[in-house]
């Protein structure tokens, strides 16, 4: 059966990660030339929040399916149908809009690859149609591997062995194979850390009495990441601590309120569509609305985030209505 615990704070982390990634992409693509720690170091480093999404995805999948997968109580057909039904309609809509805005034969090839959702299996693919969709491609490969992932987690020794192997593979991808984060070989360790935390969730929940210590450890790791060393090991520890915080923090707060619950619920859709909104503004020559680039950056950031949120929300409502209509028919 699925994990009965509902970790509400997970939506909070999804929401804040989404806010951070949008901020990073607007800064990187807007070319505003801003100075200062916030714009030179802090926001650019938020690109690694995609790895947090991977860790959260693995943890969430384990909460929903691990026990059922291990007990052979999962209808594999329904499992993969649900993945396609959840992801494909919205992603297909984005691909269609992107193709309409920038039509070409190469774009057509890429749209076809995107619509299979298996484009993450293509070696060294550099797909420009919904370019941020590389993350979706990697996550979908994880879905394809999920039964094997559960096999690794079924024994804690095997889980730690799998984590160690995936960590070494990440290092080899960087130092030898010249493979980037779009490859599951590079990114699998971030999914593994989500699975490891899942295995110890009951023990972690007992740390509720030590919230302050958990917060101090988290802040210390983030400080090390920004001011001392920003390697894979530190990123993994930060991601693990994010899940630890989500487990030990219950009740309303900055990680659990109506705003973050709403944004967290559509964070994946916001992530996929925000750069499309940005490109529309770019084509309309609206990236510099004032003479001050600091003001321009924050204005465009707000417009992109709000626009992506509205687009994602309305699109999901429309897709749900069309789906219900087709089912009735």
C-alpha atoms as a PDB file:
ATOM      1  CA  UNK A   1       0.000   0.000   0.000  1.00  0.00           C
ATOM      2  CA  UNK A   2       1.004   3.633  -0.413  1.00  0.00           C
ATOM      3  CA  UNK A   3       2.620   5.540   2.434  1.00  0.00           C
ATOM      4  CA  UNK A   4      -0.298   6.925   4.458  1.00  0.00           C
ATOM      5  CA  UNK A   5       1.700   9.936   5.616  1.00  0.00           C
ATOM      6  CA  UNK A   6       1.112  13.136   3.686  1.00  0.00           C
ATOM      7  CA  UNK A   7       4.214  15.293   3.756  1.00  0.00           C
ATOM      8  CA  UNK A   8       2.585  18.664   3.127  1.00  0.00           C
ATOM      9  CA  UNK A   9       5.879  20.566   3.261  1.00  0.00           C
ATOM     10  CA  UNK A  10       6.976  18.866   0.028  1.00  0.00           C
ATOM     11  CA  UNK A  11       4.673  21.234  -1.883  1.00  0.00           C
ATOM     12  CA  UNK A  12       6.434  24.132  -0.199  1.00  0.00           C
ATOM     13  CA  UNK A  13       9.823  22.980  -1.432  1.00  0.00           C
ATOM     14  CA  UNK A  14       8.421  22.401  -4.924  1.00  0.00           C
ATOM     15  CA  UNK A  15       7.030  25.927  -4.952  1.00  0.00           C
ATOM     16  CA  UNK A  16      10.237  27.595  -3.780  1.00  0.00           C
ATOM     17  CA  UNK A  17      12.341  25.509  -6.165  1.00  0.00           C
ATOM     18  CA  UNK A  18      10.051  26.577  -8.995  1.00  0.00           C
ATOM     19  CA  UNK A  19      10.389  30.248  -8.010  1.00  0.00           C
ATOM     20  CA  UNK A  20      14.161  29.865  -7.947  1.00  0.00           C
ATOM     21  CA  UNK A  21      14.479  28.155 -11.320  1.00  0.00           C
ATOM     22  CA  UNK A  22      12.331  30.798 -13.018  1.00  0.00           C
ATOM     23  CA  UNK A  23      14.494  33.512 -11.428  1.00  0.00           C
ATOM     24  CA  UNK A  24      17.638  31.809 -12.715  1.00  0.00           C
ATOM     25  CA  UNK A  25      16.368  31.378 -16.280  1.00  0.00           C
ATOM     26  CA  UNK A  26      15.119  34.961 -16.556  1.00  0.00           C
ATOM     27  CA  UNK A  27      18.484  36.254 -15.338  1.00  0.00           C
ATOM     28  CA  UNK A  28      20.506  33.968 -17.626  1.00  0.00           C
ATOM     29  CA  UNK A  29      18.459  34.616 -20.760  1.00  0.00           C
ATOM     30  CA  UNK A  30      17.628  38.276 -20.165  1.00  0.00           C
ATOM     31  CA  UNK A  31      21.311  39.263 -20.196  1.00  0.00           C
ATOM     32  CA  UNK A  32      20.741  42.197 -17.870  1.00  0.00           C
ATOM     33  CA  UNK A  33      24.386  42.436 -16.768  1.00  0.00           C
ATOM     34  CA  UNK A  34      23.602  42.825 -13.073  1.00  0.00           C
ATOM     35  CA  UNK A  35      26.267  42.955 -10.351  1.00  0.00           C
ATOM     36  CA  UNK A  36      26.350  41.815  -6.748  1.00  0.00           C
ATOM     37  CA  UNK A  37      26.302  38.505  -4.864  1.00  0.00           C
ATOM     38  CA  UNK A  38      22.586  37.966  -5.468  1.00  0.00           C
ATOM     39  CA  UNK A  39      22.895  38.235  -9.257  1.00  0.00           C
ATOM     40  CA  UNK A  40      26.394  36.836  -9.801  1.00  0.00           C
ATOM     41  CA  UNK A  41      26.428  33.902  -7.362  1.00  0.00           C
ATOM     42  CA  UNK A  42      23.125  33.256  -5.602  1.00  0.00           C
ATOM     43  CA  UNK A  43      20.574  33.232  -8.433  1.00  0.00           C
ATOM     44  CA  UNK A  44      22.804  31.510 -11.058  1.00  0.00           C
ATOM     45  CA  UNK A  45      23.446  28.651  -8.610  1.00  0.00           C
ATOM     46  CA  UNK A  46      19.690  28.027  -8.419  1.00  0.00           C
ATOM     47  CA  UNK A  47      20.048  26.074 -11.664  1.00  0.00           C
ATOM     48  CA  UNK A  48      20.849  23.072  -9.454  1.00  0.00           C
ATOM     49  CA  UNK A  49      17.328  23.151  -8.032  1.00  0.00           C
ATOM     50  CA  UNK A  50      16.419  20.820 -10.912  1.00  0.00           C
ATOM     51  CA  UNK A  51      18.283  18.142  -8.957  1.00  0.00           C
ATOM     52  CA  UNK A  52      16.075  18.887  -5.961  1.00  0.00           C
ATOM     53  CA  UNK A  53      13.057  18.223  -8.182  1.00  0.00           C
ATOM     54  CA  UNK A  54      14.602  14.838  -9.045  1.00  0.00           C
ATOM     55  CA  UNK A  55      15.107  13.990  -5.379  1.00  0.00           C
ATOM     56  CA  UNK A  56      11.559  15.047  -4.509  1.00  0.00           C
ATOM     57  CA  UNK A  57      10.174  13.085  -7.487  1.00  0.00           C
ATOM     58  CA  UNK A  58      11.894   9.904  -6.307  1.00  0.00           C
ATOM     59  CA  UNK A  59      10.679  10.385  -2.734  1.00  0.00           C
ATOM     60  CA  UNK A  60       7.129  11.073  -3.908  1.00  0.00           C
ATOM     61  CA  UNK A  61       7.080   8.053  -6.219  1.00  0.00           C
ATOM     62  CA  UNK A  62       8.286   5.857  -3.372  1.00  0.00           C
ATOM     63  CA  UNK A  63       5.544   7.182  -1.089  1.00  0.00           C
ATOM     64  CA  UNK A  64       2.944   6.300  -3.699  1.00  0.00           C
ATOM     65  CA  UNK A  65       4.237   3.089  -5.238  1.00  0.00           C
ATOM     66  CA  UNK A  66       7.212   1.509  -3.465  1.00  0.00           C
ATOM     67  CA  UNK A  67       5.284  -0.819  -1.134  1.00  0.00           C
ATOM     68  CA  UNK A  68       2.877  -1.832  -3.884  1.00  0.00           C
ATOM     69  CA  UNK A  69       5.718  -2.423  -6.343  1.00  0.00           C
ATOM     70  CA  UNK A  70       7.630  -4.606  -3.876  1.00  0.00           C
ATOM     71  CA  UNK A  71       4.504  -6.610  -2.984  1.00  0.00           C
ATOM     72  CA  UNK A  72       3.751  -7.095  -6.695  1.00  0.00           C
ATOM     73  CA  UNK A  73       0.495  -5.193  -6.288  1.00  0.00           C
ATOM     74  CA  UNK A  74       0.927  -2.706  -9.147  1.00  0.00           C
ATOM     75  CA  UNK A  75      -0.871  -2.898 -12.477  1.00  0.00           C
ATOM     76  CA  UNK A  76       2.071  -1.995 -14.698  1.00  0.00           C
ATOM     77  CA  UNK A  77      -0.226  -0.966 -17.565  1.00  0.00           C
ATOM     78  CA  UNK A  78      -2.149   1.458 -15.347  1.00  0.00           C
ATOM     79  CA  UNK A  79       1.121   2.708 -13.852  1.00  0.00           C
ATOM     80  CA  UNK A  80       2.551   3.847 -17.182  1.00  0.00           C
ATOM     81  CA  UNK A  81      -0.811   5.006 -18.544  1.00  0.00           C
ATOM     82  CA  UNK A  82      -1.074   7.324 -15.549  1.00  0.00           C
ATOM     83  CA  UNK A  83       2.382   8.762 -16.270  1.00  0.00           C
ATOM     84  CA  UNK A  84       1.438   9.525 -19.875  1.00  0.00           C
ATOM     85  CA  UNK A  85      -1.987  10.943 -18.966  1.00  0.00           C
ATOM     86  CA  UNK A  86      -0.455  13.231 -16.367  1.00  0.00           C
ATOM     87  CA  UNK A  87       2.420  14.538 -18.481  1.00  0.00           C
ATOM     88  CA  UNK A  88       1.688  14.242 -22.202  1.00  0.00           C
ATOM     89  CA  UNK A  89      -1.360  16.528 -22.775  1.00  0.00           C
ATOM     90  CA  UNK A  90       0.213  19.654 -21.284  1.00  0.00           C
ATOM     91  CA  UNK A  91       3.648  18.945 -22.758  1.00  0.00           C
ATOM     92  CA  UNK A  92       2.097  18.280 -26.184  1.00  0.00           C
ATOM     93  CA  UNK A  93       0.278  21.627 -26.000  1.00  0.00           C
ATOM     94  CA  UNK A  94       3.548  23.415 -25.262  1.00  0.00           C
ATOM     95  CA  UNK A  95       5.342  21.629 -28.096  1.00  0.00           C
ATOM     96  CA  UNK A  96       2.566  22.616 -30.515  1.00  0.00           C
ATOM     97  CA  UNK A  97       2.712  26.266 -29.462  1.00  0.00           C
ATOM     98  CA  UNK A  98       6.511  26.285 -29.691  1.00  0.00           C
ATOM     99  CA  UNK A  99       6.341  24.801 -33.196  1.00  0.00           C
ATOM    100  CA  UNK A 100       3.774  27.398 -34.288  1.00  0.00           C
ATOM    101  CA  UNK A 101       5.987  30.223 -33.029  1.00  0.00           C
ATOM    102  CA  UNK A 102       9.190  28.822 -34.597  1.00  0.00           C
ATOM    103  CA  UNK A 103       8.288  26.306 -37.345  1.00  0.00           C
ATOM    104  CA  UNK A 104      11.011  24.316 -39.115  1.00  0.00           C
ATOM    105  CA  UNK A 105      11.689  20.757 -40.217  1.00  0.00           C
ATOM    106  CA  UNK A 106      14.187  20.336 -37.372  1.00  0.00           C
ATOM    107  CA  UNK A 107      11.565  21.514 -34.893  1.00  0.00           C
ATOM    108  CA  UNK A 108       9.155  18.937 -36.320  1.00  0.00           C
ATOM    109  CA  UNK A 109      11.686  16.169 -35.678  1.00  0.00           C
ATOM    110  CA  UNK A 110      12.154  17.393 -32.121  1.00  0.00           C
ATOM    111  CA  UNK A 111       8.409  17.647 -31.490  1.00  0.00           C
ATOM    112  CA  UNK A 112       8.037  14.001 -32.519  1.00  0.00           C
ATOM    113  CA  UNK A 113      10.821  12.979 -30.129  1.00  0.00           C
ATOM    114  CA  UNK A 114       9.244  15.049 -27.347  1.00  0.00           C
ATOM    115  CA  UNK A 115       5.833  13.461 -27.782  1.00  0.00           C
ATOM    116  CA  UNK A 116       7.209   9.975 -27.182  1.00  0.00           C
ATOM    117  CA  UNK A 117       8.392  11.199 -23.748  1.00  0.00           C
ATOM    118  CA  UNK A 118      11.330   8.824 -24.271  1.00  0.00           C
ATOM    119  CA  UNK A 119      13.681  11.444 -25.701  1.00  0.00           C
ATOM    120  CA  UNK A 120      15.797  11.170 -22.568  1.00  0.00           C
ATOM    121  CA  UNK A 121      17.117   7.917 -24.042  1.00  0.00           C
ATOM    122  CA  UNK A 122      18.661   9.731 -27.028  1.00  0.00           C
ATOM    123  CA  UNK A 123      22.434  10.135 -26.480  1.00  0.00           C
ATOM    124  CA  UNK A 124      23.620  13.751 -26.469  1.00  0.00           C
ATOM    125  CA  UNK A 125      20.236  15.066 -27.580  1.00  0.00           C
ATOM    126  CA  UNK A 126      20.150  18.849 -27.733  1.00  0.00           C
ATOM    127  CA  UNK A 127      16.439  19.462 -28.195  1.00  0.00           C
ATOM    128  CA  UNK A 128      15.499  23.131 -28.511  1.00  0.00           C
ATOM    129  CA  UNK A 129      11.705  22.732 -28.676  1.00  0.00           C
ATOM    130  CA  UNK A 130      10.800  23.369 -25.026  1.00  0.00           C
ATOM    131  CA  UNK A 131      14.490  23.227 -24.145  1.00  0.00           C
ATOM    132  CA  UNK A 132      13.853  22.975 -20.405  1.00  0.00           C
ATOM    133  CA  UNK A 133      12.027  19.737 -21.190  1.00  0.00           C
ATOM    134  CA  UNK A 134      15.335  17.875 -20.886  1.00  0.00           C
ATOM    135  CA  UNK A 135      14.406  17.530 -17.221  1.00  0.00           C
ATOM    136  CA  UNK A 136      11.152  15.814 -18.165  1.00  0.00           C
ATOM    137  CA  UNK A 137      13.095  13.453 -20.426  1.00  0.00           C
ATOM    138  CA  UNK A 138      15.394  12.478 -17.565  1.00  0.00           C
ATOM    139  CA  UNK A 139      12.518  12.050 -15.106  1.00  0.00           C
ATOM    140  CA  UNK A 140      10.623   9.863 -17.576  1.00  0.00           C
ATOM    141  CA  UNK A 141      13.657   7.602 -17.930  1.00  0.00           C
ATOM    142  CA  UNK A 142      13.518   7.332 -14.137  1.00  0.00           C
ATOM    143  CA  UNK A 143       9.865   6.270 -14.428  1.00  0.00           C
ATOM    144  CA  UNK A 144      10.911   3.600 -16.929  1.00  0.00           C
ATOM    145  CA  UNK A 145      13.527   2.410 -14.432  1.00  0.00           C
ATOM    146  CA  UNK A 146      11.276   2.641 -11.376  1.00  0.00           C
ATOM    147  CA  UNK A 147      10.765  -1.135 -10.922  1.00  0.00           C
ATOM    148  CA  UNK A 148      14.570  -1.536 -10.900  1.00  0.00           C
ATOM    149  CA  UNK A 149      14.812   1.443  -8.544  1.00  0.00           C
ATOM    150  CA  UNK A 150      12.463  -0.334  -6.120  1.00  0.00           C
ATOM    151  CA  UNK A 151      14.606  -3.468  -6.416  1.00  0.00           C
ATOM    152  CA  UNK A 152      17.621  -1.433  -5.279  1.00  0.00           C
ATOM    153  CA  UNK A 153      15.699  -0.037  -2.305  1.00  0.00           C
ATOM    154  CA  UNK A 154      14.226  -3.386  -1.247  1.00  0.00           C
ATOM    155  CA  UNK A 155      17.343  -4.071   0.816  1.00  0.00           C
ATOM    156  CA  UNK A 156      19.078  -1.243   2.689  1.00  0.00           C
ATOM    157  CA  UNK A 157      22.559  -2.626   2.016  1.00  0.00           C
ATOM    158  CA  UNK A 158      21.733  -2.865  -1.681  1.00  0.00           C
ATOM    159  CA  UNK A 159      20.285   0.642  -1.572  1.00  0.00           C
ATOM    160  CA  UNK A 160      23.511   2.063  -0.147  1.00  0.00           C
ATOM    161  CA  UNK A 161      25.545   0.074  -2.671  1.00  0.00           C
ATOM    162  CA  UNK A 162      23.360   1.480  -5.458  1.00  0.00           C
ATOM    163  CA  UNK A 163      23.761   4.981  -4.074  1.00  0.00           C
ATOM    164  CA  UNK A 164      27.548   4.588  -3.903  1.00  0.00           C
ATOM    165  CA  UNK A 165      27.718   3.235  -7.454  1.00  0.00           C
ATOM    166  CA  UNK A 166      25.534   6.054  -8.784  1.00  0.00           C
ATOM    167  CA  UNK A 167      27.670   8.628  -6.951  1.00  0.00           C
ATOM    168  CA  UNK A 168      30.838   7.226  -8.526  1.00  0.00           C
ATOM    169  CA  UNK A 169      29.099   7.206 -11.912  1.00  0.00           C
ATOM    170  CA  UNK A 170      28.219  10.877 -11.467  1.00  0.00           C
ATOM    171  CA  UNK A 171      31.885  11.671 -10.821  1.00  0.00           C
ATOM    172  CA  UNK A 172      32.952   9.647 -13.874  1.00  0.00           C
ATOM    173  CA  UNK A 173      30.363  11.408 -16.037  1.00  0.00           C
ATOM    174  CA  UNK A 174      31.937  14.724 -15.038  1.00  0.00           C
ATOM    175  CA  UNK A 175      35.617  13.772 -15.123  1.00  0.00           C
ATOM    176  CA  UNK A 176      35.844  11.070 -17.811  1.00  0.00           C
ATOM    177  CA  UNK A 177      32.764  10.456 -19.945  1.00  0.00           C
ATOM    178  CA  UNK A 178      32.011  14.153 -20.516  1.00  0.00           C
ATOM    179  CA  UNK A 179      28.299  13.558 -19.937  1.00  0.00           C
ATOM    180  CA  UNK A 180      26.066  16.272 -18.510  1.00  0.00           C
ATOM    181  CA  UNK A 181      22.991  16.309 -16.279  1.00  0.00           C
ATOM    182  CA  UNK A 182      20.636  15.389 -19.127  1.00  0.00           C
ATOM    183  CA  UNK A 183      21.881  11.804 -18.848  1.00  0.00           C
ATOM    184  CA  UNK A 184      20.272   9.476 -16.320  1.00  0.00           C
ATOM    185  CA  UNK A 185      23.765   8.100 -15.622  1.00  0.00           C
ATOM    186  CA  UNK A 186      24.758  11.562 -14.370  1.00  0.00           C
ATOM    187  CA  UNK A 187      21.538  12.317 -12.507  1.00  0.00           C
ATOM    188  CA  UNK A 188      20.548   8.933 -11.070  1.00  0.00           C
ATOM    189  CA  UNK A 189      22.331   9.628  -7.777  1.00  0.00           C
ATOM    190  CA  UNK A 190      19.880  12.487  -7.099  1.00  0.00           C
ATOM    191  CA  UNK A 191      16.967  10.079  -7.443  1.00  0.00           C
ATOM    192  CA  UNK A 192      18.784   7.601  -5.214  1.00  0.00           C
ATOM    193  CA  UNK A 193      19.105  10.104  -2.377  1.00  0.00           C
ATOM    194  CA  UNK A 194      15.324  10.554  -2.471  1.00  0.00           C
ATOM    195  CA  UNK A 195      14.918   6.797  -2.176  1.00  0.00           C
ATOM    196  CA  UNK A 196      17.416   6.562   0.691  1.00  0.00           C
ATOM    197  CA  UNK A 197      15.562   9.229   2.677  1.00  0.00           C
ATOM    198  CA  UNK A 198      12.308   7.357   2.030  1.00  0.00           C
ATOM    199  CA  UNK A 199      13.757   4.190   3.548  1.00  0.00           C
ATOM    200  CA  UNK A 200      14.622   6.057   6.764  1.00  0.00           C
ATOM    201  CA  UNK A 201      11.533   8.289   6.909  1.00  0.00           C
ATOM    202  CA  UNK A 202      10.234   6.736  10.139  1.00  0.00           C
ATOM    203  CA  UNK A 203      13.546   7.224  11.927  1.00  0.00           C
ATOM    204  CA  UNK A 204      13.781  10.764  10.538  1.00  0.00           C
ATOM    205  CA  UNK A 205      10.292  11.625  11.804  1.00  0.00           C
ATOM    206  CA  UNK A 206      11.608  11.143  15.352  1.00  0.00           C
ATOM    207  CA  UNK A 207      13.869  14.169  14.837  1.00  0.00           C
ATOM    208  CA  UNK A 208      10.852  16.441  15.242  1.00  0.00           C
ATOM    209  CA  UNK A 209      12.183  17.370  18.700  1.00  0.00           C
ATOM    210  CA  UNK A 210      15.402  18.595  17.127  1.00  0.00           C
ATOM    211  CA  UNK A 211      14.015  20.976  14.512  1.00  0.00           C
ATOM    212  CA  UNK A 212      16.446  23.742  15.406  1.00  0.00           C
ATOM    213  CA  UNK A 213      19.424  21.430  14.957  1.00  0.00           C
ATOM    214  CA  UNK A 214      18.068  20.274  11.588  1.00  0.00           C
ATOM    215  CA  UNK A 215      17.678  23.890  10.466  1.00  0.00           C
ATOM    216  CA  UNK A 216      21.220  24.724  11.600  1.00  0.00           C
ATOM    217  CA  UNK A 217      22.630  21.778   9.631  1.00  0.00           C
ATOM    218  CA  UNK A 218      20.659  22.825   6.544  1.00  0.00           C
ATOM    219  CA  UNK A 219      21.806  26.459   6.753  1.00  0.00           C
ATOM    220  CA  UNK A 220      25.389  25.312   7.318  1.00  0.00           C
ATOM    221  CA  UNK A 221      25.305  23.138   4.196  1.00  0.00           C
ATOM    222  CA  UNK A 222      23.858  25.952   2.083  1.00  0.00           C
ATOM    223  CA  UNK A 223      26.552  28.301   3.414  1.00  0.00           C
ATOM    224  CA  UNK A 224      29.272  25.798   2.504  1.00  0.00           C
ATOM    225  CA  UNK A 225      27.730  25.399  -0.959  1.00  0.00           C
ATOM    226  CA  UNK A 226      27.868  29.136  -1.689  1.00  0.00           C
ATOM    227  CA  UNK A 227      31.061  30.169   0.065  1.00  0.00           C
ATOM    228  CA  UNK A 228      33.323  27.108   0.279  1.00  0.00           C
ATOM    229  CA  UNK A 229      32.569  24.231  -2.100  1.00  0.00           C
ATOM    230  CA  UNK A 230      29.666  23.488  -4.463  1.00  0.00           C
ATOM    231  CA  UNK A 231      30.272  19.887  -5.476  1.00  0.00           C
ATOM    232  CA  UNK A 232      27.923  16.931  -5.958  1.00  0.00           C
ATOM    233  CA  UNK A 233      28.342  15.672  -2.386  1.00  0.00           C
ATOM    234  CA  UNK A 234      27.214  18.992  -0.886  1.00  0.00           C
ATOM    235  CA  UNK A 235      24.271  19.166  -3.304  1.00  0.00           C
ATOM    236  CA  UNK A 236      23.181  15.667  -2.294  1.00  0.00           C
ATOM    237  CA  UNK A 237      23.401  16.504   1.399  1.00  0.00           C
ATOM    238  CA  UNK A 238      21.347  19.665   0.874  1.00  0.00           C
ATOM    239  CA  UNK A 239      18.694  17.733  -1.053  1.00  0.00           C
ATOM    240  CA  UNK A 240      18.563  15.106   1.679  1.00  0.00           C
ATOM    241  CA  UNK A 241      18.169  17.803   4.336  1.00  0.00           C
ATOM    242  CA  UNK A 242      15.337  19.374   2.337  1.00  0.00           C
ATOM    243  CA  UNK A 243      13.420  16.107   2.624  1.00  0.00           C
ATOM    244  CA  UNK A 244      14.352  15.777   6.296  1.00  0.00           C
ATOM    245  CA  UNK A 245      12.891  19.242   6.897  1.00  0.00           C
ATOM    246  CA  UNK A 246       9.752  18.263   4.980  1.00  0.00           C
ATOM    247  CA  UNK A 247       9.333  15.198   7.194  1.00  0.00           C
ATOM    248  CA  UNK A 248       9.937  16.851  10.574  1.00  0.00           C
ATOM    249  CA  UNK A 249       8.022  20.064   9.917  1.00  0.00           C
ATOM    250  CA  UNK A 250       4.282  19.500  10.296  1.00  0.00           C
ATOM    251  CA  UNK A 251       1.491  22.034  10.513  1.00  0.00           C
ATOM    252  CA  UNK A 252       1.088  25.391   8.808  1.00  0.00           C
ATOM    253  CA  UNK A 253       4.077  27.585   8.058  1.00  0.00           C
ATOM    254  CA  UNK A 254       6.344  28.783   5.255  1.00  0.00           C
ATOM    255  CA  UNK A 255       6.484  25.242   3.857  1.00  0.00           C
ATOM    256  CA  UNK A 256       2.775  24.559   4.207  1.00  0.00           C
ATOM    257  CA  UNK A 257       0.240  27.239   3.331  1.00  0.00           C
ATOM    258  CA  UNK A 258      -2.315  27.917   0.603  1.00  0.00           C
ATOM    259  CA  UNK A 259       0.115  29.772  -1.663  1.00  0.00           C
ATOM    260  CA  UNK A 260       2.874  27.158  -1.728  1.00  0.00           C
ATOM    261  CA  UNK A 261       0.330  24.339  -1.888  1.00  0.00           C
ATOM    262  CA  UNK A 262      -1.184  25.910  -5.017  1.00  0.00           C
ATOM    263  CA  UNK A 263       2.167  26.674  -6.680  1.00  0.00           C
ATOM    264  CA  UNK A 264       3.642  23.334  -5.634  1.00  0.00           C
ATOM    265  CA  UNK A 265       0.689  21.521  -7.172  1.00  0.00           C
ATOM    266  CA  UNK A 266       1.408  22.966 -10.624  1.00  0.00           C
ATOM    267  CA  UNK A 267       5.153  23.548 -10.230  1.00  0.00           C
ATOM    268  CA  UNK A 268       6.020  20.990 -12.903  1.00  0.00           C
ATOM    269  CA  UNK A 269       3.751  22.722 -15.420  1.00  0.00           C
ATOM    270  CA  UNK A 270       5.127  26.152 -14.463  1.00  0.00           C
ATOM    271  CA  UNK A 271       8.649  24.825 -14.952  1.00  0.00           C
ATOM    272  CA  UNK A 272       7.819  23.500 -18.417  1.00  0.00           C
ATOM    273  CA  UNK A 273       6.036  26.612 -19.706  1.00  0.00           C
ATOM    274  CA  UNK A 274       7.876  29.547 -18.111  1.00  0.00           C
ATOM    275  CA  UNK A 275      10.517  29.817 -20.835  1.00  0.00           C
ATOM    276  CA  UNK A 276       7.797  29.819 -23.494  1.00  0.00           C
ATOM    277  CA  UNK A 277       6.267  32.842 -21.755  1.00  0.00           C
ATOM    278  CA  UNK A 278       9.733  34.420 -21.629  1.00  0.00           C
ATOM    279  CA  UNK A 279      10.285  33.845 -25.370  1.00  0.00           C
ATOM    280  CA  UNK A 280       6.945  35.474 -26.168  1.00  0.00           C
ATOM    281  CA  UNK A 281       8.005  38.559 -24.193  1.00  0.00           C
ATOM    282  CA  UNK A 282      11.383  38.476 -25.935  1.00  0.00           C
ATOM    283  CA  UNK A 283       9.808  38.392 -29.404  1.00  0.00           C
ATOM    284  CA  UNK A 284       7.567  41.292 -28.369  1.00  0.00           C
ATOM    285  CA  UNK A 285      10.670  43.292 -27.312  1.00  0.00           C
ATOM    286  CA  UNK A 286       9.346  43.607 -23.765  1.00  0.00           C
ATOM    287  CA  UNK A 287      12.411  42.494 -21.797  1.00  0.00           C
ATOM    288  CA  UNK A 288      13.454  46.070 -21.040  1.00  0.00           C
ATOM    289  CA  UNK A 289      10.452  48.077 -19.970  1.00  0.00           C
ATOM    290  CA  UNK A 290      12.440  50.734 -18.075  1.00  0.00           C
ATOM    291  CA  UNK A 291      15.892  52.336 -18.177  1.00  0.00           C
ATOM    292  CA  UNK A 292      16.984  50.404 -15.074  1.00  0.00           C
ATOM    293  CA  UNK A 293      18.027  46.786 -15.679  1.00  0.00           C
ATOM    294  CA  UNK A 294      17.555  45.850 -12.024  1.00  0.00           C
ATOM    295  CA  UNK A 295      13.926  46.961 -12.280  1.00  0.00           C
ATOM    296  CA  UNK A 296      13.627  45.283 -15.683  1.00  0.00           C
ATOM    297  CA  UNK A 297      14.817  41.968 -14.295  1.00  0.00           C
ATOM    298  CA  UNK A 298      12.355  41.857 -11.412  1.00  0.00           C
ATOM    299  CA  UNK A 299       9.475  43.090 -13.570  1.00  0.00           C
ATOM    300  CA  UNK A 300      10.077  40.422 -16.200  1.00  0.00           C
ATOM    301  CA  UNK A 301      10.558  37.801 -13.506  1.00  0.00           C
ATOM    302  CA  UNK A 302       7.156  38.637 -12.016  1.00  0.00           C
ATOM    303  CA  UNK A 303       5.487  38.760 -15.426  1.00  0.00           C
ATOM    304  CA  UNK A 304       6.998  35.424 -16.463  1.00  0.00           C
ATOM    305  CA  UNK A 305       6.158  33.688 -13.199  1.00  0.00           C
ATOM    306  CA  UNK A 306       2.601  35.028 -13.022  1.00  0.00           C
ATOM    307  CA  UNK A 307       2.080  34.381 -16.727  1.00  0.00           C
ATOM    308  CA  UNK A 308       3.365  30.820 -16.443  1.00  0.00           C
ATOM    309  CA  UNK A 309       1.209  30.198 -13.371  1.00  0.00           C
ATOM    310  CA  UNK A 310      -1.945  31.469 -15.086  1.00  0.00           C
ATOM    311  CA  UNK A 311      -1.143  29.564 -18.283  1.00  0.00           C
ATOM    312  CA  UNK A 312      -0.448  26.329 -16.390  1.00  0.00           C
ATOM    313  CA  UNK A 313      -3.593  26.625 -14.260  1.00  0.00           C
ATOM    314  CA  UNK A 314      -5.970  27.482 -17.116  1.00  0.00           C
ATOM    315  CA  UNK A 315      -4.415  24.880 -19.423  1.00  0.00           C
ATOM    316  CA  UNK A 316      -4.826  22.160 -16.821  1.00  0.00           C
ATOM    317  CA  UNK A 317      -8.492  23.074 -16.348  1.00  0.00           C
ATOM    318  CA  UNK A 318      -9.028  22.972 -20.110  1.00  0.00           C
ATOM    319  CA  UNK A 319      -7.174  19.685 -20.513  1.00  0.00           C
ATOM    320  CA  UNK A 320      -9.167  18.093 -17.681  1.00  0.00           C
ATOM    321  CA  UNK A 321     -12.468  19.191 -19.244  1.00  0.00           C
ATOM    322  CA  UNK A 322     -11.476  17.899 -22.683  1.00  0.00           C
ATOM    323  CA  UNK A 323     -10.309  14.615 -21.165  1.00  0.00           C
ATOM    324  CA  UNK A 324     -13.591  14.130 -19.279  1.00  0.00           C
ATOM    325  CA  UNK A 325     -15.551  14.944 -22.444  1.00  0.00           C
ATOM    326  CA  UNK A 326     -13.582  12.425 -24.506  1.00  0.00           C
ATOM    327  CA  UNK A 327     -14.022   9.744 -21.840  1.00  0.00           C
ATOM    328  CA  UNK A 328     -17.802  10.299 -21.840  1.00  0.00           C
ATOM    329  CA  UNK A 329     -17.857  10.099 -25.618  1.00  0.00           C
END
